Structure formats: structure tokens, C-alpha cells
Amino acid sequence: MPFYVYIIQSEKDGTYYKGSSENPLQRLVAHNNAQSKYTSTKMPWKLVYIEEQLSKKEMLIRERNLKRGNAEYFQKLIASPKNIINNFK
């Protein structure tokens, strides 16, 4: 079973949120349905980045590392070949 880290961007103010999930599309729906207290104030959100990880442990480590990034780093990631978001559309 694959595991994913994802980045969503607020269409309200452009900020990024980093998370992890086994189903990033379903998780986006949850964010946009105000099921997360932190993201509920910045809706709507759009999915801009997905990266696959081989294990849950790797997913959690990668998510923790992503949370240290800044907007410039995220923009580079979004444009990189690591971004497999097109596989989900």
C-alpha cells in the first residue's frame, strides 16, 4: 500500500499546508469540509503536490521535513519531477 505526503495551498491567502495520507484526494475533501481545525479558516484549499513514500515511517519522516520548508522551497517542489499530482487527476 502506498503512502503519500502532500502540499495543499489556500486559495484564500496562498499559504501552504503540508500533510500525509494514504489517500490525498480524500484528505483534500476533508480539509475543504472544515474537518481540520487548523485548515478550516483558510478554505478553500487546492492540492498542489503529492509525493509517494514506500512506508508509513518514511511518509512521517518526509512530512516532518516538509514542515520545515518555506514557500520558495515548496514552489520548487511543485515544479519538480517528484510531484506526481498528475497521476491523481
PDB file of N, CA and C in Angstrom:
ATOM      1  N   MET A   1       0.847  -1.177   0.000  1.00  0.00           N
ATOM      2  CA  MET A   1       0.000   0.000   0.000  1.00  0.00           C
ATOM      3  C   MET A   1       0.895   1.244   0.000  1.00  0.00           C
ATOM      4  N   PRO A   2       0.648   2.172  -0.922  1.00  0.00           N
ATOM      5  CA  PRO A   2       1.473   3.383  -0.955  1.00  0.00           C
ATOM      6  C   PRO A   2       1.046   4.388   0.115  1.00  0.00           C
ATOM      7  N   PHE A   3       1.990   5.217   0.463  1.00  0.00           N
ATOM      8  CA  PHE A   3       1.779   6.306   1.414  1.00  0.00           C
ATOM      9  C   PHE A   3       2.215   7.591   0.727  1.00  0.00           C
ATOM     10  N   TYR A   4       1.575   8.685   1.083  1.00  0.00           N
ATOM     11  CA  TYR A   4       1.847   9.939   0.379  1.00  0.00           C
ATOM     12  C   TYR A   4       2.032  11.106   1.349  1.00  0.00           C
ATOM     13  N   VAL A   5       2.905  12.017   0.958  1.00  0.00           N
ATOM     14  CA  VAL A   5       2.936  13.346   1.575  1.00  0.00           C
ATOM     15  C   VAL A   5       2.337  14.281   0.533  1.00  0.00           C
ATOM     16  N   TYR A   6       1.696  15.326   1.014  1.00  0.00           N
ATOM     17  CA  TYR A   6       1.043  16.243   0.091  1.00  0.00           C
ATOM     18  C   TYR A   6       1.203  17.674   0.582  1.00  0.00           C
ATOM     19  N   ILE A   7       1.030  18.590  -0.348  1.00  0.00           N
ATOM     20  CA  ILE A   7       1.003  20.013  -0.022  1.00  0.00           C
ATOM     21  C   ILE A   7      -0.277  20.564  -0.633  1.00  0.00           C
ATOM     22  N   ILE A   8      -1.018  21.289   0.171  1.00  0.00           N
ATOM     23  CA  ILE A   8      -2.191  21.999  -0.324  1.00  0.00           C
ATOM     24  C   ILE A   8      -1.936  23.488  -0.156  1.00  0.00           C
ATOM     25  N   GLN A   9      -2.571  24.270  -1.003  1.00  0.00           N
ATOM     26  CA  GLN A   9      -2.397  25.718  -0.955  1.00  0.00           C
ATOM     27  C   GLN A   9      -3.762  26.363  -0.772  1.00  0.00           C
ATOM     28  N   SER A  10      -3.808  27.318   0.134  1.00  0.00           N
ATOM     29  CA  SER A  10      -5.046  28.045   0.396  1.00  0.00           C
ATOM     30  C   SER A  10      -5.341  28.979  -0.769  1.00  0.00           C
ATOM     31  N   GLU A  11      -6.553  28.879  -1.305  1.00  0.00           N
ATOM     32  CA  GLU A  11      -6.962  29.810  -2.349  1.00  0.00           C
ATOM     33  C   GLU A  11      -7.382  31.145  -1.737  1.00  0.00           C
ATOM     34  N   LYS A  12      -7.500  31.185  -0.434  1.00  0.00           N
ATOM     35  CA  LYS A  12      -7.865  32.416   0.272  1.00  0.00           C
ATOM     36  C   LYS A  12      -6.667  33.339   0.435  1.00  0.00           C
ATOM     37  N   ASP A  13      -5.518  32.778   0.889  1.00  0.00           N
ATOM     38  CA  ASP A  13      -4.358  33.642   1.148  1.00  0.00           C
ATOM     39  C   ASP A  13      -3.036  33.113   0.602  1.00  0.00           C
ATOM     40  N   GLY A  14      -3.062  31.962  -0.097  1.00  0.00           N
ATOM     41  CA  GLY A  14      -1.858  31.443  -0.734  1.00  0.00           C
ATOM     42  C   GLY A  14      -0.922  30.661   0.163  1.00  0.00           C
ATOM     43  N   THR A  15      -1.261  30.498   1.438  1.00  0.00           N
ATOM     44  CA  THR A  15      -0.380  29.754   2.338  1.00  0.00           C
ATOM     45  C   THR A  15      -0.421  28.262   2.011  1.00  0.00           C
ATOM     46  N   TYR A  16       0.618  27.564   2.463  1.00  0.00           N
ATOM     47  CA  TYR A  16       0.742  26.131   2.217  1.00  0.00           C
ATOM     48  C   TYR A  16       0.516  25.350   3.502  1.00  0.00           C
ATOM     49  N   TYR A  17      -0.028  24.153   3.341  1.00  0.00           N
ATOM     50  CA  TYR A  17      -0.178  23.223   4.447  1.00  0.00           C
ATOM     51  C   TYR A  17       0.407  21.899   3.976  1.00  0.00           C
ATOM     52  N   LYS A  18       1.188  21.261   4.809  1.00  0.00           N
ATOM     53  CA  LYS A  18       1.841  20.000   4.488  1.00  0.00           C
ATOM     54  C   LYS A  18       1.249  18.897   5.327  1.00  0.00           C
ATOM     55  N   GLY A  19       0.974  17.763   4.690  1.00  0.00           N
ATOM     56  CA  GLY A  19       0.395  16.654   5.426  1.00  0.00           C
ATOM     57  C   GLY A  19       0.767  15.319   4.812  1.00  0.00           C
ATOM     58  N   SER A  20       0.209  14.265   5.381  1.00  0.00           N
ATOM     59  CA  SER A  20       0.447  12.920   4.871  1.00  0.00           C
ATOM     60  C   SER A  20      -0.849  12.126   4.953  1.00  0.00           C
ATOM     61  N   SER A  21      -0.970  11.183   4.031  1.00  0.00           N
ATOM     62  CA  SER A  21      -2.205  10.401   3.970  1.00  0.00           C
ATOM     63  C   SER A  21      -2.005   9.209   3.048  1.00  0.00           C
ATOM     64  N   GLU A  22      -2.827   8.202   3.219  1.00  0.00           N
ATOM     65  CA  GLU A  22      -2.857   7.095   2.275  1.00  0.00           C
ATOM     66  C   GLU A  22      -3.753   7.437   1.086  1.00  0.00           C
ATOM     67  N   ASN A  23      -4.580   8.473   1.243  1.00  0.00           N
ATOM     68  CA  ASN A  23      -5.469   8.902   0.171  1.00  0.00           C
ATOM     69  C   ASN A  23      -5.516  10.440   0.151  1.00  0.00           C
ATOM     70  N   PRO A  24      -4.597  11.085  -0.565  1.00  0.00           N
ATOM     71  CA  PRO A  24      -4.533  12.549  -0.533  1.00  0.00           C
ATOM     72  C   PRO A  24      -5.770  13.243  -1.106  1.00  0.00           C
ATOM     73  N   LEU A  25      -6.458  12.628  -2.066  1.00  0.00           N
ATOM     74  CA  LEU A  25      -7.662  13.262  -2.616  1.00  0.00           C
ATOM     75  C   LEU A  25      -8.780  13.291  -1.580  1.00  0.00           C
ATOM     76  N   GLN A  26      -8.920  12.204  -0.857  1.00  0.00           N
ATOM     77  CA  GLN A  26      -9.926  12.149   0.212  1.00  0.00           C
ATOM     78  C   GLN A  26      -9.564  13.128   1.328  1.00  0.00           C
ATOM     79  N   ARG A  27      -8.293  13.255   1.603  1.00  0.00           N
ATOM     80  CA  ARG A  27      -7.837  14.181   2.653  1.00  0.00           C
ATOM     81  C   ARG A  27      -8.120  15.627   2.249  1.00  0.00           C
ATOM     82  N   LEU A  28      -7.956  15.955   0.954  1.00  0.00           N
ATOM     83  CA  LEU A  28      -8.278  17.302   0.474  1.00  0.00           C
ATOM     84  C   LEU A  28      -9.748  17.621   0.715  1.00  0.00           C
ATOM     85  N   VAL A  29     -10.615  16.656   0.445  1.00  0.00           N
ATOM     86  CA  VAL A  29     -12.043  16.846   0.692  1.00  0.00           C
ATOM     87  C   VAL A  29     -12.278  17.144   2.173  1.00  0.00           C
ATOM     88  N   ALA A  30     -11.600  16.425   3.039  1.00  0.00           N
ATOM     89  CA  ALA A  30     -11.748  16.660   4.487  1.00  0.00           C
ATOM     90  C   ALA A  30     -11.294  18.071   4.859  1.00  0.00           C
ATOM     91  N   HIS A  31     -10.178  18.518   4.294  1.00  0.00           N
ATOM     92  CA  HIS A  31      -9.715  19.886   4.574  1.00  0.00           C
ATOM     93  C   HIS A  31     -10.755  20.910   4.109  1.00  0.00           C
ATOM     94  N   ASN A  32     -11.338  20.692   2.952  1.00  0.00           N
ATOM     95  CA  ASN A  32     -12.312  21.644   2.410  1.00  0.00           C
ATOM     96  C   ASN A  32     -13.699  21.517   3.033  1.00  0.00           C
ATOM     97  N   ASN A  33     -13.910  20.487   3.833  1.00  0.00           N
ATOM     98  CA  ASN A  33     -15.160  20.338   4.586  1.00  0.00           C
ATOM     99  C   ASN A  33     -14.979  20.759   6.042  1.00  0.00           C
ATOM    100  N   ALA A  34     -13.898  21.476   6.323  1.00  0.00           N
ATOM    101  CA  ALA A  34     -13.614  22.008   7.660  1.00  0.00           C
ATOM    102  C   ALA A  34     -13.477  20.919   8.708  1.00  0.00           C
ATOM    103  N   GLN A  35     -12.954  19.753   8.330  1.00  0.00           N
ATOM    104  CA  GLN A  35     -12.761  18.667   9.282  1.00  0.00           C
ATOM    105  C   GLN A  35     -11.410  18.747   9.981  1.00  0.00           C
ATOM    106  N   SER A  36     -10.628  19.757   9.644  1.00  0.00           N
ATOM    107  CA  SER A  36      -9.352  20.014  10.317  1.00  0.00           C
ATOM    108  C   SER A  36      -9.407  21.430  10.876  1.00  0.00           C
ATOM    109  N   LYS A  37      -9.249  21.551  12.171  1.00  0.00           N
ATOM    110  CA  LYS A  37      -9.377  22.862  12.817  1.00  0.00           C
ATOM    111  C   LYS A  37      -8.379  23.873  12.231  1.00  0.00           C
ATOM    112  N   TYR A  38      -7.137  23.449  12.009  1.00  0.00           N
ATOM    113  CA  TYR A  38      -6.110  24.369  11.534  1.00  0.00           C
ATOM    114  C   TYR A  38      -6.425  24.895  10.133  1.00  0.00           C
ATOM    115  N   THR A  39      -6.876  24.037   9.245  1.00  0.00           N
ATOM    116  CA  THR A  39      -7.091  24.466   7.863  1.00  0.00           C
ATOM    117  C   THR A  39      -8.484  25.038   7.612  1.00  0.00           C
ATOM    118  N   SER A  40      -9.378  24.929   8.557  1.00  0.00           N
ATOM    119  CA  SER A  40     -10.759  25.362   8.330  1.00  0.00           C
ATOM    120  C   SER A  40     -10.891  26.870   8.121  1.00  0.00           C
ATOM    121  N   THR A  41      -9.964  27.653   8.604  1.00  0.00           N
ATOM    122  CA  THR A  41     -10.067  29.110   8.471  1.00  0.00           C
ATOM    123  C   THR A  41      -9.496  29.639   7.159  1.00  0.00           C
ATOM    124  N   LYS A  42      -8.860  28.777   6.380  1.00  0.00           N
ATOM    125  CA  LYS A  42      -8.215  29.246   5.150  1.00  0.00           C
ATOM    126  C   LYS A  42      -8.762  28.549   3.907  1.00  0.00           C
ATOM    127  N   MET A  43      -9.960  28.033   3.981  1.00  0.00           N
ATOM    128  CA  MET A  43     -10.580  27.349   2.850  1.00  0.00           C
ATOM    129  C   MET A  43     -10.948  28.360   1.764  1.00  0.00           C
ATOM    130  N   PRO A  44     -11.046  27.936   0.537  1.00  0.00           N
ATOM    131  CA  PRO A  44     -10.838  26.582   0.030  1.00  0.00           C
ATOM    132  C   PRO A  44      -9.360  26.290  -0.215  1.00  0.00           C
ATOM    133  N   TRP A  45      -9.049  25.006  -0.255  1.00  0.00           N
ATOM    134  CA  TRP A  45      -7.694  24.511  -0.497  1.00  0.00           C
ATOM    135  C   TRP A  45      -7.628  23.807  -1.833  1.00  0.00           C
ATOM    136  N   LYS A  46      -6.456  23.884  -2.474  1.00  0.00           N
ATOM    137  CA  LYS A  46      -6.227  23.105  -3.693  1.00  0.00           C
ATOM    138  C   LYS A  46      -4.978  22.268  -3.501  1.00  0.00           C
ATOM    139  N   LEU A  47      -5.004  21.075  -4.039  1.00  0.00           N
ATOM    140  CA  LEU A  47      -3.879  20.151  -3.954  1.00  0.00           C
ATOM    141  C   LEU A  47      -2.850  20.552  -5.005  1.00  0.00           C
ATOM    142  N   VAL A  48      -1.599  20.797  -4.556  1.00  0.00           N
ATOM    143  CA  VAL A  48      -0.571  21.254  -5.489  1.00  0.00           C
ATOM    144  C   VAL A  48       0.622  20.310  -5.572  1.00  0.00           C
ATOM    145  N   TYR A  49       0.740  19.363  -4.641  1.00  0.00           N
ATOM    146  CA  TYR A  49       1.913  18.482  -4.630  1.00  0.00           C
ATOM    147  C   TYR A  49       1.577  17.160  -3.961  1.00  0.00           C
ATOM    148  N   ILE A  50       2.021  16.061  -4.594  1.00  0.00           N
ATOM    149  CA  ILE A  50       1.905  14.728  -3.998  1.00  0.00           C
ATOM    150  C   ILE A  50       3.213  13.991  -4.270  1.00  0.00           C
ATOM    151  N   GLU A  51       3.722  13.345  -3.232  1.00  0.00           N
ATOM    152  CA  GLU A  51       4.948  12.548  -3.345  1.00  0.00           C
ATOM    153  C   GLU A  51       4.710  11.202  -2.677  1.00  0.00           C
ATOM    154  N   GLU A  52       5.042  10.127  -3.361  1.00  0.00           N
ATOM    155  CA  GLU A  52       4.822   8.788  -2.820  1.00  0.00           C
ATOM    156  C   GLU A  52       5.995   8.356  -1.952  1.00  0.00           C
ATOM    157  N   GLN A  53       5.673   7.670  -0.866  1.00  0.00           N
ATOM    158  CA  GLN A  53       6.669   7.090   0.032  1.00  0.00           C
ATOM    159  C   GLN A  53       6.406   5.593   0.134  1.00  0.00           C
ATOM    160  N   LEU A  54       7.441   4.824   0.394  1.00  0.00           N
ATOM    161  CA  LEU A  54       7.309   3.372   0.406  1.00  0.00           C
ATOM    162  C   LEU A  54       6.766   2.803   1.707  1.00  0.00           C
ATOM    163  N   SER A  55       6.905   3.549   2.795  1.00  0.00           N
ATOM    164  CA  SER A  55       6.428   3.034   4.079  1.00  0.00           C
ATOM    165  C   SER A  55       5.815   4.177   4.893  1.00  0.00           C
ATOM    166  N   LYS A  56       5.052   3.798   5.884  1.00  0.00           N
ATOM    167  CA  LYS A  56       4.444   4.805   6.756  1.00  0.00           C
ATOM    168  C   LYS A  56       5.527   5.583   7.493  1.00  0.00           C
ATOM    169  N   LYS A  57       6.577   4.886   7.913  1.00  0.00           N
ATOM    170  CA  LYS A  57       7.674   5.550   8.616  1.00  0.00           C
ATOM    171  C   LYS A  57       8.327   6.605   7.723  1.00  0.00           C
ATOM    172  N   GLU A  58       8.622   6.248   6.464  1.00  0.00           N
ATOM    173  CA  GLU A  58       9.219   7.211   5.538  1.00  0.00           C
ATOM    174  C   GLU A  58       8.277   8.385   5.287  1.00  0.00           C
ATOM    175  N   MET A  59       6.979   8.094   5.203  1.00  0.00           N
ATOM    176  CA  MET A  59       5.987   9.143   4.997  1.00  0.00           C
ATOM    177  C   MET A  59       6.019  10.150   6.145  1.00  0.00           C
ATOM    178  N   LEU A  60       6.043   9.658   7.368  1.00  0.00           N
ATOM    179  CA  LEU A  60       6.023  10.544   8.535  1.00  0.00           C
ATOM    180  C   LEU A  60       7.317  11.354   8.651  1.00  0.00           C
ATOM    181  N   ILE A  61       8.444  10.740   8.324  1.00  0.00           N
ATOM    182  CA  ILE A  61       9.724  11.468   8.346  1.00  0.00           C
ATOM    183  C   ILE A  61       9.714  12.563   7.286  1.00  0.00           C
ATOM    184  N   ARG A  62       9.244  12.217   6.075  1.00  0.00           N
ATOM    185  CA  ARG A  62       9.209  13.210   4.994  1.00  0.00           C
ATOM    186  C   ARG A  62       8.253  14.347   5.323  1.00  0.00           C
ATOM    187  N   GLU A  63       7.110  14.049   5.927  1.00  0.00           N
ATOM    188  CA  GLU A  63       6.162  15.094   6.318  1.00  0.00           C
ATOM    189  C   GLU A  63       6.818  16.042   7.326  1.00  0.00           C
ATOM    190  N   ARG A  64       7.512  15.479   8.298  1.00  0.00           N
ATOM    191  CA  ARG A  64       8.176  16.313   9.302  1.00  0.00           C
ATOM    192  C   ARG A  64       9.208  17.231   8.643  1.00  0.00           C
ATOM    193  N   ASN A  65       9.950  16.700   7.666  1.00  0.00           N
ATOM    194  CA  ASN A  65      10.943  17.516   6.963  1.00  0.00           C
ATOM    195  C   ASN A  65      10.289  18.593   6.103  1.00  0.00           C
ATOM    196  N   LEU A  66       9.165  18.275   5.482  1.00  0.00           N
ATOM    197  CA  LEU A  66       8.461  19.271   4.673  1.00  0.00           C
ATOM    198  C   LEU A  66       7.985  20.442   5.520  1.00  0.00           C
ATOM    199  N   LYS A  67       7.597  20.164   6.746  1.00  0.00           N
ATOM    200  CA  LYS A  67       7.079  21.227   7.611  1.00  0.00           C
ATOM    201  C   LYS A  67       8.142  22.285   7.933  1.00  0.00           C
ATOM    202  N   ARG A  68       9.412  21.973   7.666  1.00  0.00           N
ATOM    203  CA  ARG A  68      10.493  22.937   7.897  1.00  0.00           C
ATOM    204  C   ARG A  68      10.722  23.850   6.694  1.00  0.00           C
ATOM    205  N   GLY A  69      10.093  23.544   5.560  1.00  0.00           N
ATOM    206  CA  GLY A  69      10.322  24.286   4.325  1.00  0.00           C
ATOM    207  C   GLY A  69       9.647  25.649   4.300  1.00  0.00           C
ATOM    208  N   ASN A  70      10.023  26.437   3.298  1.00  0.00           N
ATOM    209  CA  ASN A  70       9.396  27.747   3.107  1.00  0.00           C
ATOM    210  C   ASN A  70       8.729  27.780   1.737  1.00  0.00           C
ATOM    211  N   ALA A  71       8.049  28.873   1.430  1.00  0.00           N
ATOM    212  CA  ALA A  71       7.282  28.984   0.192  1.00  0.00           C
ATOM    213  C   ALA A  71       8.158  28.784  -1.044  1.00  0.00           C
ATOM    214  N   GLU A  72       9.359  29.314  -1.028  1.00  0.00           N
ATOM    215  CA  GLU A  72      10.255  29.171  -2.184  1.00  0.00           C
ATOM    216  C   GLU A  72      10.586  27.689  -2.424  1.00  0.00           C
ATOM    217  N   TYR A  73      10.867  26.968  -1.361  1.00  0.00           N
ATOM    218  CA  TYR A  73      11.160  25.538  -1.466  1.00  0.00           C
ATOM    219  C   TYR A  73       9.949  24.780  -2.013  1.00  0.00           C
ATOM    220  N   PHE A  74       8.753  25.119  -1.527  1.00  0.00           N
ATOM    221  CA  PHE A  74       7.541  24.434  -1.975  1.00  0.00           C
ATOM    222  C   PHE A  74       7.278  24.691  -3.456  1.00  0.00           C
ATOM    223  N   GLN A  75       7.529  25.905  -3.916  1.00  0.00           N
ATOM    224  CA  GLN A  75       7.332  26.221  -5.331  1.00  0.00           C
ATOM    225  C   GLN A  75       8.267  25.385  -6.207  1.00  0.00           C
ATOM    226  N   LYS A  76       9.500  25.173  -5.745  1.00  0.00           N
ATOM    227  CA  LYS A  76      10.440  24.320  -6.484  1.00  0.00           C
ATOM    228  C   LYS A  76       9.963  22.872  -6.497  1.00  0.00           C
ATOM    229  N   LEU A  77       9.477  22.390  -5.370  1.00  0.00           N
ATOM    230  CA  LEU A  77       8.960  21.025  -5.297  1.00  0.00           C
ATOM    231  C   LEU A  77       7.769  20.828  -6.231  1.00  0.00           C
ATOM    232  N   ILE A  78       6.875  21.792  -6.241  1.00  0.00           N
ATOM    233  CA  ILE A  78       5.668  21.706  -7.063  1.00  0.00           C
ATOM    234  C   ILE A  78       6.034  21.557  -8.542  1.00  0.00           C
ATOM    235  N   ALA A  79       7.100  22.230  -8.964  1.00  0.00           N
ATOM    236  CA  ALA A  79       7.538  22.183 -10.365  1.00  0.00           C
ATOM    237  C   ALA A  79       8.459  20.992 -10.658  1.00  0.00           C
ATOM    238  N   SER A  80       8.836  20.235  -9.646  1.00  0.00           N
ATOM    239  CA  SER A  80       9.819  19.162  -9.817  1.00  0.00           C
ATOM    240  C   SER A  80       9.174  17.863 -10.306  1.00  0.00           C
ATOM    241  N   PRO A  81      10.004  16.961 -10.864  1.00  0.00           N
ATOM    242  CA  PRO A  81       9.502  15.653 -11.295  1.00  0.00           C
ATOM    243  C   PRO A  81       9.026  14.761 -10.140  1.00  0.00           C
ATOM    244  N   LYS A  82       9.389  15.097  -8.908  1.00  0.00           N
ATOM    245  CA  LYS A  82       8.909  14.330  -7.751  1.00  0.00           C
ATOM    246  C   LYS A  82       7.394  14.458  -7.575  1.00  0.00           C
ATOM    247  N   ASN A  83       6.851  15.540  -8.113  1.00  0.00           N
ATOM    248  CA  ASN A  83       5.420  15.824  -7.945  1.00  0.00           C
ATOM    249  C   ASN A  83       4.607  14.910  -8.864  1.00  0.00           C
ATOM    250  N   ILE A  84       3.894  13.952  -8.270  1.00  0.00           N
ATOM    251  CA  ILE A  84       3.117  13.005  -9.060  1.00  0.00           C
ATOM    252  C   ILE A  84       1.632  13.341  -9.061  1.00  0.00           C
ATOM    253  N   ILE A  85       1.314  14.592  -8.847  1.00  0.00           N
ATOM    254  CA  ILE A  85      -0.085  15.019  -8.761  1.00  0.00           C
ATOM    255  C   ILE A  85      -0.870  14.664 -10.027  1.00  0.00           C
ATOM    256  N   ASN A  86      -0.227  14.684 -11.174  1.00  0.00           N
ATOM    257  CA  ASN A  86      -0.943  14.376 -12.418  1.00  0.00           C
ATOM    258  C   ASN A  86      -1.408  12.926 -12.481  1.00  0.00           C
ATOM    259  N   ASN A  87      -0.823  12.058 -11.675  1.00  0.00           N
ATOM    260  CA  ASN A  87      -1.266  10.668 -11.608  1.00  0.00           C
ATOM    261  C   ASN A  87      -2.604  10.531 -10.887  1.00  0.00           C
ATOM    262  N   PHE A  88      -3.056  11.596 -10.243  1.00  0.00           N
ATOM    263  CA  PHE A  88      -4.281  11.563  -9.436  1.00  0.00           C
ATOM    264  C   PHE A  88      -5.440  12.292 -10.095  1.00  0.00           C
ATOM    265  N   LYS A  89      -5.212  12.860 -11.255  1.00  0.00           N
ATOM    266  CA  LYS A  89      -6.290  13.639 -11.895  1.00  0.00           C
ATOM    267  C   LYS A  89      -7.005  12.833 -12.943  1.00  0.00           C
TER     268      LYS A  89
END
